[in-house]
Amino acid sequence: MFPQLETNRFTTETGYTLTVEVPQERADAVMEAVLAVVPLTWGDYDRVAFRSAAGEQQFRSLGTGRNAATADTVTVPCLRVTCFLPGTADVVAVMEAVYGAHPYEEPVILLAPALRSRHVRGLDEDNPNRFWNRQAADWVPAAHR
C-alpha cells in the first residue's frame, strides 16, 4: 500500500490519521477522551495533535435521526482535530471515546491509513534551520530557549 522509502535521514511507521470535526467548545473534551485511550506519542514527545483554526461545518438534517428536519443548510463553527494513531493502537476504543465526548449524534470522524516519518535521533542537530540553532521564535516554549 505504501512505498518502501530507503533513506538514512528518517524511518517510517504505518498507522492511521484520525480527523474529527468538532465545535470549538468541545475540542478539549474530544482530545481528553482520545488521550485517555492512546498517548499520541511521536518520538520524544506525546500528546501530539493538530487543531485547525475555526471553520464552518455544514449540514442539513433529514429528520430521520434524533433531530427534526431542517429546511436549509445549517452551519456550525468547528475545528478540525487531527492526530496519528500507530498501527498498534486500539482504534475501536479511540473512536468509541470520540463518540462519547462529541456533542453530535453523527459526528464527522475520518480514519485513514497513514505513513508517518520519524527522525533519526542525533542526526542533523547542527542544522542552522533547527530552532535551537537560531534566535528563539515566539512559538518556542520557554523551557526550550
Foldseek 3Di string as FASTA:
>chain_A
DDDDDDDPFWDKAKFKKKKWKAAPVLPVQLLVLLCVQPQQDAVPDTSDKDKDAWDKDKDFDPCPDPDHTDPDIDIGTIIMMIGTDGRPGPVVSSVVSNCVRGPDPDTDMDMGMDMDIHGDPPPPPCPCPDCLNDPHDPPDDPVSD
